[in-house]
Protein backbone atom coordinates (compact mmCIF):
# COMPACT_ATOMS: atom_id res chain seq x y z
CA UNK A 1 -0.23 0.00 -0.12
CA UNK A 2 1.10 3.49 -0.73
CA UNK A 3 1.99 5.95 1.96
CA UNK A 4 -0.59 8.25 2.86
CA UNK A 5 -0.13 12.11 2.64
CA UNK A 6 -0.66 13.97 5.72
CA UNK A 7 -2.48 17.52 5.67
CA UNK A 8 -4.21 19.67 8.26
CA UNK A 9 -7.80 20.06 7.65
CA UNK A 10 -9.96 23.01 9.58
CA UNK A 11 -13.44 22.11 9.71
CA UNK A 12 -16.54 23.69 11.05
CA UNK A 13 -17.29 21.66 14.54
CA UNK A 14 -20.97 21.09 13.56
CA UNK A 15 -19.68 19.56 10.34
CA UNK A 16 -17.17 17.31 12.11
CA UNK A 17 -20.01 16.29 14.54
CA UNK A 18 -22.02 15.16 11.50
CA UNK A 19 -19.16 13.50 10.17
CA UNK A 20 -18.34 11.72 13.27
CA UNK A 21 -22.15 10.46 13.51
CA UNK A 22 -21.82 9.14 9.65
CA UNK A 23 -18.67 7.78 10.23
CA UNK A 24 -19.58 5.82 12.95
CA UNK A 25 -22.95 4.45 11.16
CA UNK A 26 -20.45 3.31 8.78
CA UNK A 27 -18.30 1.65 10.98
CA UNK A 28 -15.24 3.82 9.90
CA UNK A 29 -13.32 6.39 11.55
CA UNK A 30 -13.67 10.06 10.41
CA UNK A 31 -10.42 9.95 8.64
CA UNK A 32 -11.46 7.02 6.73
CA UNK A 33 -15.07 8.23 6.09
CA UNK A 34 -13.70 11.73 4.66
CA UNK A 35 -11.28 9.95 2.42
CA UNK A 36 -14.08 7.61 1.24
CA UNK A 37 -16.43 10.57 0.48
CA UNK A 38 -13.68 12.47 -1.27
CA UNK A 39 -13.01 9.36 -3.46
CA UNK A 40 -16.48 8.95 -4.06
CA UNK A 41 -16.74 12.69 -5.04
CA UNK A 42 -13.90 12.07 -7.40
CA UNK A 43 -15.17 9.10 -9.13
CA UNK A 44 -18.42 10.70 -9.72
CA UNK A 45 -16.84 13.71 -11.32
CA UNK A 46 -14.69 11.64 -13.64
CA UNK A 47 -11.60 12.59 -11.98
CA UNK A 48 -10.27 9.59 -10.58
CA UNK A 49 -7.74 7.31 -12.93
CA UNK A 50 -9.29 4.11 -14.03
CA UNK A 51 -6.82 2.19 -12.08
CA UNK A 52 -7.57 4.07 -9.02
CA UNK A 53 -11.29 3.47 -9.78
CA UNK A 54 -11.18 -0.42 -9.49
CA UNK A 55 -9.49 -0.16 -6.17
CA UNK A 56 -12.38 1.22 -4.43
CA UNK A 57 -14.61 -1.85 -4.81
CA UNK A 58 -11.73 -4.04 -3.20
């Protein structure tokens, strides 16, 4: 697995609380849920390379 890039994220506390609850419902950490949501958005927008697109379902 490739090393992941770290970066700071400033987010509204109310939005964080929503994401935290959503992540819990999906049995994910907030970090992995945010990554999942961003990856899905990139896929929907057609910006995810085909090789990465296949990895999502694995």
